[in-house]
Structures are given as structure tokens and as C-alpha cells.
PDB file of all heavy atoms in Angstrom:
ATOM      1  N   MET A   1       0.828  -1.193   0.001  1.00  0.00           N
ATOM      2  CA  MET A   1      -0.009   0.008   0.003  1.00  0.00           C
ATOM      3  C   MET A   1       0.857   1.248  -0.014  1.00  0.00           C
ATOM      4  O   MET A   1       1.718   1.410   0.871  1.00  0.00           O
ATOM      5  CB  MET A   1      -0.910   0.005   1.226  1.00  0.00           C
ATOM      6  CG  MET A   1      -1.912   1.157   1.202  1.00  0.00           C
ATOM      7  SD  MET A   1      -3.256   0.922   2.397  1.00  0.00           S
ATOM      8  CE  MET A   1      -2.386   0.863   3.924  1.00  0.00           C
ATOM      9  N   PRO A   2       0.656   2.131  -0.976  1.00  0.00           N
ATOM     10  CA  PRO A   2       1.466   3.355  -1.015  1.00  0.00           C
ATOM     11  C   PRO A   2       1.128   4.257   0.181  1.00  0.00           C
ATOM     12  O   PRO A   2      -0.009   4.374   0.596  1.00  0.00           O
ATOM     13  CB  PRO A   2       1.065   4.031  -2.321  1.00  0.00           C
ATOM     14  CG  PRO A   2      -0.120   3.315  -2.822  1.00  0.00           C
ATOM     15  CD  PRO A   2      -0.290   2.044  -2.060  1.00  0.00           C
ATOM     16  N   GLY A   3       2.186   4.882   0.704  1.00  0.00           N
ATOM     17  CA  GLY A   3       2.010   5.840   1.789  1.00  0.00           C
ATOM     18  C   GLY A   3       2.566   7.164   1.332  1.00  0.00           C
ATOM     19  O   GLY A   3       2.220   7.673   0.282  1.00  0.00           O
ATOM     20  N   GLU A   4       3.529   7.680   2.091  1.00  0.00           N
ATOM     21  CA  GLU A   4       4.167   8.932   1.669  1.00  0.00           C
ATOM     22  C   GLU A   4       4.999   8.645   0.432  1.00  0.00           C
ATOM     23  O   GLU A   4       5.312   7.487   0.131  1.00  0.00           O
ATOM     24  CB  GLU A   4       4.962   9.550   2.832  1.00  0.00           C
ATOM     25  CG  GLU A   4       6.033   8.692   3.404  1.00  0.00           C
ATOM     26  CD  GLU A   4       6.725   9.302   4.618  1.00  0.00           C
ATOM     27  OE1 GLU A   4       6.027   9.761   5.515  1.00  0.00           O
ATOM     28  OE2 GLU A   4       7.944   9.337   4.605  1.00  0.00           O
ATOM     29  N   PRO A   5       5.381   9.669  -0.323  1.00  0.00           N
ATOM     30  CA  PRO A   5       6.119   9.446  -1.584  1.00  0.00           C
ATOM     31  C   PRO A   5       7.331   8.528  -1.397  1.00  0.00           C
ATOM     32  O   PRO A   5       8.142   8.727  -0.501  1.00  0.00           O
ATOM     33  CB  PRO A   5       6.537  10.833  -2.006  1.00  0.00           C
ATOM     34  CG  PRO A   5       5.490  11.741  -1.434  1.00  0.00           C
ATOM     35  CD  PRO A   5       5.131  11.091  -0.084  1.00  0.00           C
ATOM     36  N   GLY A   6       7.390   7.501  -2.264  1.00  0.00           N
ATOM     37  CA  GLY A   6       8.486   6.544  -2.237  1.00  0.00           C
ATOM     38  C   GLY A   6       8.387   5.445  -1.207  1.00  0.00           C
ATOM     39  O   GLY A   6       9.211   4.553  -1.159  1.00  0.00           O
ATOM     40  N   ALA A   7       7.366   5.501  -0.347  1.00  0.00           N
ATOM     41  CA  ALA A   7       7.232   4.524   0.740  1.00  0.00           C
ATOM     42  C   ALA A   7       5.979   3.648   0.499  1.00  0.00           C
ATOM     43  O   ALA A   7       4.904   4.165   0.241  1.00  0.00           O
ATOM     44  CB  ALA A   7       7.121   5.223   2.081  1.00  0.00           C
ATOM     45  N   TYR A   8       6.171   2.357   0.639  1.00  0.00           N
ATOM     46  CA  TYR A   8       5.072   1.389   0.536  1.00  0.00           C
ATOM     47  C   TYR A   8       5.053   0.520   1.779  1.00  0.00           C
ATOM     48  O   TYR A   8       6.115   0.071   2.254  1.00  0.00           O
ATOM     49  CB  TYR A   8       5.242   0.475  -0.686  1.00  0.00           C
ATOM     50  CG  TYR A   8       4.825   1.134  -1.960  1.00  0.00           C
ATOM     51  CD1 TYR A   8       5.627   2.072  -2.585  1.00  0.00           C
ATOM     52  CD2 TYR A   8       3.614   0.804  -2.587  1.00  0.00           C
ATOM     53  CE1 TYR A   8       5.252   2.685  -3.764  1.00  0.00           C
ATOM     54  CE2 TYR A   8       3.227   1.400  -3.780  1.00  0.00           C
ATOM     55  CZ  TYR A   8       4.058   2.337  -4.334  1.00  0.00           C
ATOM     56  OH  TYR A   8       3.655   2.931  -5.527  1.00  0.00           O
ATOM     57  N   GLU A   9       3.857   0.283   2.281  1.00  0.00           N
ATOM     58  CA  GLU A   9       3.688  -0.606   3.430  1.00  0.00           C
ATOM     59  C   GLU A   9       3.294  -1.984   2.937  1.00  0.00           C
ATOM     60  O   GLU A   9       2.349  -2.130   2.171  1.00  0.00           O
ATOM     61  CB  GLU A   9       2.583  -0.050   4.339  1.00  0.00           C
ATOM     62  CG  GLU A   9       2.314  -0.939   5.540  1.00  0.00           C
ATOM     63  CD  GLU A   9       1.130  -0.472   6.382  1.00  0.00           C
ATOM     64  OE1 GLU A   9       0.496   0.535   6.063  1.00  0.00           O
ATOM     65  OE2 GLU A   9       0.835  -1.160   7.372  1.00  0.00           O
ATOM     66  N   LEU A  10       4.040  -2.984   3.383  1.00  0.00           N
ATOM     67  CA  LEU A  10       3.626  -4.369   3.203  1.00  0.00           C
ATOM     68  C   LEU A  10       2.551  -4.576   4.269  1.00  0.00           C
ATOM     69  O   LEU A  10       2.828  -4.428   5.459  1.00  0.00           O
ATOM     70  CB  LEU A  10       4.791  -5.330   3.422  1.00  0.00           C
ATOM     71  CG  LEU A  10       4.391  -6.804   3.362  1.00  0.00           C
ATOM     72  CD1 LEU A  10       4.261  -7.265   1.932  1.00  0.00           C
ATOM     73  CD2 LEU A  10       5.388  -7.653   4.103  1.00  0.00           C
ATOM     74  N   THR A  11       1.322  -4.842   3.835  1.00  0.00           N
ATOM     75  CA  THR A  11       0.220  -4.843   4.803  1.00  0.00           C
ATOM     76  C   THR A  11      -0.815  -5.903   4.445  1.00  0.00           C
ATOM     77  O   THR A  11      -0.802  -6.461   3.347  1.00  0.00           O
ATOM     78  CB  THR A  11      -0.415  -3.441   4.855  1.00  0.00           C
ATOM     79  OG1 THR A  11      -1.367  -3.389   5.925  1.00  0.00           O
ATOM     80  CG2 THR A  11      -1.098  -3.086   3.537  1.00  0.00           C
ATOM     81  N   LYS A  12      -1.669  -6.147   5.380  1.00  0.00           N
ATOM     82  CA  LYS A  12      -2.811  -7.048   5.207  1.00  0.00           C
ATOM     83  C   LYS A  12      -2.364  -8.375   4.604  1.00  0.00           C
ATOM     84  O   LYS A  12      -2.923  -8.864   3.651  1.00  0.00           O
ATOM     85  CB  LYS A  12      -3.901  -6.400   4.345  1.00  0.00           C
ATOM     86  CG  LYS A  12      -4.426  -5.090   4.909  1.00  0.00           C
ATOM     87  CD  LYS A  12      -5.088  -5.292   6.247  1.00  0.00           C
ATOM     88  CE  LYS A  12      -5.649  -4.030   6.831  1.00  0.00           C
ATOM     89  NZ  LYS A  12      -4.701  -3.333   7.728  1.00  0.00           N
ATOM     90  N   MET A  13      -1.301  -8.935   5.214  1.00  0.00           N
ATOM     91  CA  MET A  13      -0.832 -10.222   4.778  1.00  0.00           C
ATOM     92  C   MET A  13      -1.328 -11.290   5.733  1.00  0.00           C
ATOM     93  O   MET A  13      -1.018 -11.230   6.953  1.00  0.00           O
ATOM     94  CB  MET A  13       0.704 -10.240   4.670  1.00  0.00           C
ATOM     95  CG  MET A  13       1.163 -11.532   4.038  1.00  0.00           C
ATOM     96  SD  MET A  13       2.882 -11.460   3.622  1.00  0.00           S
ATOM     97  CE  MET A  13       3.310 -13.149   4.009  1.00  0.00           C
ATOM     98  N   GLY A  14      -2.066 -12.222   5.196  1.00  0.00           N
ATOM     99  CA  GLY A  14      -2.570 -13.307   6.030  1.00  0.00           C
ATOM    100  C   GLY A  14      -2.735 -14.583   5.232  1.00  0.00           C
ATOM    101  O   GLY A  14      -2.911 -14.557   4.020  1.00  0.00           O
ATOM    102  N   VAL A  15      -2.725 -15.693   5.948  1.00  0.00           N
ATOM    103  CA  VAL A  15      -2.919 -17.028   5.348  1.00  0.00           C
ATOM    104  C   VAL A  15      -3.955 -17.716   6.197  1.00  0.00           C
ATOM    105  O   VAL A  15      -3.964 -17.613   7.409  1.00  0.00           O
ATOM    106  CB  VAL A  15      -1.582 -17.821   5.343  1.00  0.00           C
ATOM    107  CG1 VAL A  15      -1.794 -19.243   4.882  1.00  0.00           C
ATOM    108  CG2 VAL A  15      -0.553 -17.114   4.450  1.00  0.00           C
ATOM    109  N   LEU A  16      -4.863 -18.438   5.527  1.00  0.00           N
ATOM    110  CA  LEU A  16      -5.888 -19.189   6.229  1.00  0.00           C
ATOM    111  C   LEU A  16      -5.230 -20.127   7.238  1.00  0.00           C
ATOM    112  O   LEU A  16      -4.168 -20.712   6.965  1.00  0.00           O
ATOM    113  CB  LEU A  16      -6.746 -20.000   5.273  1.00  0.00           C
ATOM    114  CG  LEU A  16      -7.631 -19.201   4.317  1.00  0.00           C
ATOM    115  CD1 LEU A  16      -8.297 -20.153   3.334  1.00  0.00           C
ATOM    116  CD2 LEU A  16      -8.665 -18.411   5.095  1.00  0.00           C
ATOM    117  N   ALA A  17      -5.873 -20.303   8.394  1.00  0.00           N
ATOM    118  CA  ALA A  17      -5.304 -21.125   9.474  1.00  0.00           C
ATOM    119  C   ALA A  17      -4.937 -22.525   8.988  1.00  0.00           C
ATOM    120  O   ALA A  17      -3.856 -23.033   9.331  1.00  0.00           O
ATOM    121  CB  ALA A  17      -6.269 -21.198  10.651  1.00  0.00           C
ATOM    122  N   ASP A  18      -5.756 -23.148   8.175  1.00  0.00           N
ATOM    123  CA  ASP A  18      -5.487 -24.521   7.741  1.00  0.00           C
ATOM    124  C   ASP A  18      -4.430 -24.584   6.629  1.00  0.00           C
ATOM    125  O   ASP A  18      -4.005 -25.668   6.245  1.00  0.00           O
ATOM    126  CB  ASP A  18      -6.738 -25.263   7.345  1.00  0.00           C
ATOM    127  CG  ASP A  18      -7.489 -24.625   6.195  1.00  0.00           C
ATOM    128  OD1 ASP A  18      -7.069 -23.552   5.725  1.00  0.00           O
ATOM    129  OD2 ASP A  18      -8.512 -25.192   5.771  1.00  0.00           O
ATOM    130  N   ALA A  19      -3.951 -23.455   6.154  1.00  0.00           N
ATOM    131  CA  ALA A  19      -2.901 -23.430   5.129  1.00  0.00           C
ATOM    132  C   ALA A  19      -1.557 -22.963   5.698  1.00  0.00           C
ATOM    133  O   ALA A  19      -0.575 -22.916   4.975  1.00  0.00           O
ATOM    134  CB  ALA A  19      -3.321 -22.523   3.964  1.00  0.00           C
ATOM    135  N   ARG A  20      -1.525 -22.642   7.002  1.00  0.00           N
ATOM    136  CA  ARG A  20      -0.280 -22.234   7.605  1.00  0.00           C
ATOM    137  C   ARG A  20       0.672 -23.433   7.666  1.00  0.00           C
ATOM    138  O   ARG A  20       0.247 -24.525   7.884  1.00  0.00           O
ATOM    139  CB  ARG A  20      -0.523 -21.627   8.994  1.00  0.00           C
ATOM    140  CG  ARG A  20      -1.253 -20.320   8.878  1.00  0.00           C
ATOM    141  CD  ARG A  20      -1.507 -19.618  10.174  1.00  0.00           C
ATOM    142  NE  ARG A  20      -2.431 -18.505   9.927  1.00  0.00           N
ATOM    143  CZ  ARG A  20      -3.378 -18.132  10.751  1.00  0.00           C
ATOM    144  NH1 ARG A  20      -3.554 -18.743  11.900  1.00  0.00           N
ATOM    145  NH2 ARG A  20      -4.174 -17.129  10.425  1.00  0.00           N
ATOM    146  N   GLY A  21       1.930 -23.154   7.440  1.00  0.00           N
ATOM    147  CA  GLY A  21       2.938 -24.220   7.442  1.00  0.00           C
ATOM    148  C   GLY A  21       3.100 -24.914   6.109  1.00  0.00           C
ATOM    149  O   GLY A  21       3.890 -25.825   5.970  1.00  0.00           O
ATOM    150  N   THR A  22       2.382 -24.431   5.087  1.00  0.00           N
ATOM    151  CA  THR A  22       2.465 -25.031   3.749  1.00  0.00           C
ATOM    152  C   THR A  22       3.447 -24.299   2.841  1.00  0.00           C
ATOM    153  O   THR A  22       3.632 -24.710   1.722  1.00  0.00           O
ATOM    154  CB  THR A  22       1.084 -25.035   3.058  1.00  0.00           C
ATOM    155  OG1 THR A  22       0.674 -23.685   2.851  1.00  0.00           O
ATOM    156  CG2 THR A  22       0.038 -25.776   3.906  1.00  0.00           C
ATOM    157  N   GLY A  23       3.984 -23.187   3.300  1.00  0.00           N
ATOM    158  CA  GLY A  23       4.847 -22.377   2.466  1.00  0.00           C
ATOM    159  C   GLY A  23       4.098 -21.271   1.745  1.00  0.00           C
ATOM    160  O   GLY A  23       4.718 -20.476   1.025  1.00  0.00           O
ATOM    161  N   ALA A  24       2.794 -21.198   1.965  1.00  0.00           N
ATOM    162  CA  ALA A  24       1.991 -20.148   1.270  1.00  0.00           C
ATOM    163  C   ALA A  24       2.441 -18.758   1.679  1.00  0.00           C
ATOM    164  O   ALA A  24       2.566 -17.862   0.854  1.00  0.00           O
ATOM    165  CB  ALA A  24       0.508 -20.344   1.575  1.00  0.00           C
ATOM    166  N   GLY A  25       2.697 -18.554   2.969  1.00  0.00           N
ATOM    167  CA  GLY A  25       3.119 -17.235   3.445  1.00  0.00           C
ATOM    168  C   GLY A  25       4.466 -16.819   2.879  1.00  0.00           C
ATOM    169  O   GLY A  25       4.631 -15.703   2.419  1.00  0.00           O
ATOM    170  N   ALA A  26       5.410 -17.742   2.859  1.00  0.00           N
ATOM    171  CA  ALA A  26       6.728 -17.459   2.339  1.00  0.00           C
ATOM    172  C   ALA A  26       6.675 -17.134   0.836  1.00  0.00           C
ATOM    173  O   ALA A  26       7.325 -16.227   0.347  1.00  0.00           O
ATOM    174  CB  ALA A  26       7.681 -18.609   2.591  1.00  0.00           C
ATOM    175  N   ALA A  27       5.878 -17.916   0.096  1.00  0.00           N
ATOM    176  CA  ALA A  27       5.740 -17.692  -1.330  1.00  0.00           C
ATOM    177  C   ALA A  27       5.075 -16.330  -1.605  1.00  0.00           C
ATOM    178  O   ALA A  27       5.506 -15.597  -2.497  1.00  0.00           O
ATOM    179  CB  ALA A  27       4.910 -18.808  -1.976  1.00  0.00           C
ATOM    180  N   LEU A  28       4.059 -16.031  -0.844  1.00  0.00           N
ATOM    181  CA  LEU A  28       3.364 -14.747  -0.995  1.00  0.00           C
ATOM    182  C   LEU A  28       4.286 -13.587  -0.677  1.00  0.00           C
ATOM    183  O   LEU A  28       4.367 -12.599  -1.431  1.00  0.00           O
ATOM    184  CB  LEU A  28       2.127 -14.747  -0.110  1.00  0.00           C
ATOM    185  CG  LEU A  28       1.164 -13.602  -0.218  1.00  0.00           C
ATOM    186  CD1 LEU A  28       0.614 -13.472  -1.651  1.00  0.00           C
ATOM    187  CD2 LEU A  28       0.022 -13.804   0.753  1.00  0.00           C
ATOM    188  N   LEU A  29       5.049 -13.719   0.423  1.00  0.00           N
ATOM    189  CA  LEU A  29       5.965 -12.639   0.825  1.00  0.00           C
ATOM    190  C   LEU A  29       7.043 -12.440  -0.257  1.00  0.00           C
ATOM    191  O   LEU A  29       7.349 -11.309  -0.609  1.00  0.00           O
ATOM    192  CB  LEU A  29       6.595 -12.996   2.169  1.00  0.00           C
ATOM    193  CG  LEU A  29       7.604 -11.961   2.721  1.00  0.00           C
ATOM    194  CD1 LEU A  29       6.981 -10.590   2.873  1.00  0.00           C
ATOM    195  CD2 LEU A  29       8.154 -12.464   4.047  1.00  0.00           C
ATOM    196  N   ALA A  30       7.587 -13.504  -0.781  1.00  0.00           N
ATOM    197  CA  ALA A  30       8.608 -13.417  -1.827  1.00  0.00           C
ATOM    198  C   ALA A  30       8.044 -12.704  -3.065  1.00  0.00           C
ATOM    199  O   ALA A  30       8.702 -11.858  -3.664  1.00  0.00           O
ATOM    200  CB  ALA A  30       9.154 -14.792  -2.200  1.00  0.00           C
ATOM    201  N   ALA A  31       6.829 -13.046  -3.444  1.00  0.00           N
ATOM    202  CA  ALA A  31       6.179 -12.405  -4.605  1.00  0.00           C
ATOM    203  C   ALA A  31       5.926 -10.916  -4.345  1.00  0.00           C
ATOM    204  O   ALA A  31       6.128 -10.084  -5.247  1.00  0.00           O
ATOM    205  CB  ALA A  31       4.863 -13.142  -4.961  1.00  0.00           C
ATOM    206  N   LEU A  32       5.524 -10.581  -3.141  1.00  0.00           N
ATOM    207  CA  LEU A  32       5.307  -9.157  -2.806  1.00  0.00           C
ATOM    208  C   LEU A  32       6.595  -8.378  -2.810  1.00  0.00           C
ATOM    209  O   LEU A  32       6.634  -7.244  -3.299  1.00  0.00           O
ATOM    210  CB  LEU A  32       4.591  -9.058  -1.456  1.00  0.00           C
ATOM    211  CG  LEU A  32       3.108  -9.407  -1.486  1.00  0.00           C
ATOM    212  CD1 LEU A  32       2.577  -9.694  -0.073  1.00  0.00           C
ATOM    213  CD2 LEU A  32       2.276  -8.327  -2.153  1.00  0.00           C
ATOM    214  N   ILE A  33       7.671  -8.953  -2.300  1.00  0.00           N
ATOM    215  CA  ILE A  33       8.985  -8.274  -2.313  1.00  0.00           C
ATOM    216  C   ILE A  33       9.438  -8.088  -3.758  1.00  0.00           C
ATOM    217  O   ILE A  33       9.909  -7.009  -4.136  1.00  0.00           O
ATOM    218  CB  ILE A  33      10.016  -9.060  -1.494  1.00  0.00           C
ATOM    219  CG1 ILE A  33       9.678  -8.971   0.008  1.00  0.00           C
ATOM    220  CG2 ILE A  33      11.421  -8.545  -1.762  1.00  0.00           C
ATOM    221  CD1 ILE A  33      10.505  -9.902   0.889  1.00  0.00           C
ATOM    222  N   ASP A  34       9.251  -9.081  -4.605  1.00  0.00           N
ATOM    223  CA  ASP A  34       9.617  -8.960  -6.018  1.00  0.00           C
ATOM    224  C   ASP A  34       8.822  -7.826  -6.672  1.00  0.00           C
ATOM    225  O   ASP A  34       9.379  -7.031  -7.450  1.00  0.00           O
ATOM    226  CB  ASP A  34       9.360 -10.271  -6.777  1.00  0.00           C
ATOM    227  CG  ASP A  34      10.442 -11.311  -6.480  1.00  0.00           C
ATOM    228  OD1 ASP A  34      11.494 -10.957  -5.923  1.00  0.00           O
ATOM    229  OD2 ASP A  34      10.211 -12.492  -6.811  1.00  0.00           O
ATOM    230  N   ARG A  35       7.523  -7.777  -6.389  1.00  0.00           N
ATOM    231  CA  ARG A  35       6.712  -6.691  -6.958  1.00  0.00           C
ATOM    232  C   ARG A  35       7.145  -5.340  -6.429  1.00  0.00           C
ATOM    233  O   ARG A  35       7.164  -4.361  -7.175  1.00  0.00           O
ATOM    234  CB  ARG A  35       5.222  -6.932  -6.627  1.00  0.00           C
ATOM    235  CG  ARG A  35       4.588  -8.097  -7.364  1.00  0.00           C
ATOM    236  CD  ARG A  35       4.508  -7.903  -8.890  1.00  0.00           C
ATOM    237  NE  ARG A  35       3.628  -6.834  -9.290  1.00  0.00           N
ATOM    238  CZ  ARG A  35       2.324  -6.962  -9.508  1.00  0.00           C
ATOM    239  NH1 ARG A  35       1.753  -8.141  -9.384  1.00  0.00           N
ATOM    240  NH2 ARG A  35       1.611  -5.939  -9.850  1.00  0.00           N
ATOM    241  N   ALA A  36       7.525  -5.260  -5.153  1.00  0.00           N
ATOM    242  CA  ALA A  36       7.953  -3.982  -4.558  1.00  0.00           C
ATOM    243  C   ALA A  36       9.209  -3.491  -5.291  1.00  0.00           C
ATOM    244  O   ALA A  36       9.319  -2.304  -5.604  1.00  0.00           O
ATOM    245  CB  ALA A  36       8.213  -4.135  -3.087  1.00  0.00           C
ATOM    246  N   ARG A  37      10.136  -4.400  -5.561  1.00  0.00           N
ATOM    247  CA  ARG A  37      11.385  -3.988  -6.240  1.00  0.00           C
ATOM    248  C   ARG A  37      11.084  -3.412  -7.616  1.00  0.00           C
ATOM    249  O   ARG A  37      11.885  -2.612  -8.104  1.00  0.00           O
ATOM    250  CB  ARG A  37      12.276  -5.226  -6.433  1.00  0.00           C
ATOM    251  CG  ARG A  37      12.964  -5.661  -5.168  1.00  0.00           C
ATOM    252  CD  ARG A  37      13.947  -6.788  -5.495  1.00  0.00           C
ATOM    253  NE  ARG A  37      14.659  -7.209  -4.310  1.00  0.00           N
ATOM    254  CZ  ARG A  37      14.584  -8.441  -3.846  1.00  0.00           C
ATOM    255  NH1 ARG A  37      13.856  -9.364  -4.441  1.00  0.00           N
ATOM    256  NH2 ARG A  37      15.249  -8.771  -2.754  1.00  0.00           N
TER     257      ARG A  37
END
């Protein structure tokens, strides 16, 4: 989410309880970091 100029907040990141531990969070985080770059 864009904030002040040049700054983005990684926010509202969640994984369903029954999908935790499957690597979904890590995959999602990596994709978000790639998009941020």
C-alpha cells in the first residue's frame, strides 16, 4: 500500500489457518517483495 512518496507498506498479509505451514506465506511474501522491487 502506497504511503508517503516513495514509501510502501507491506500490509494485510494473512494465510488461512489450515494453510499455515504449507509455504503459502513465504511464497506470497517473496512475490510481494519482487513486486515492490
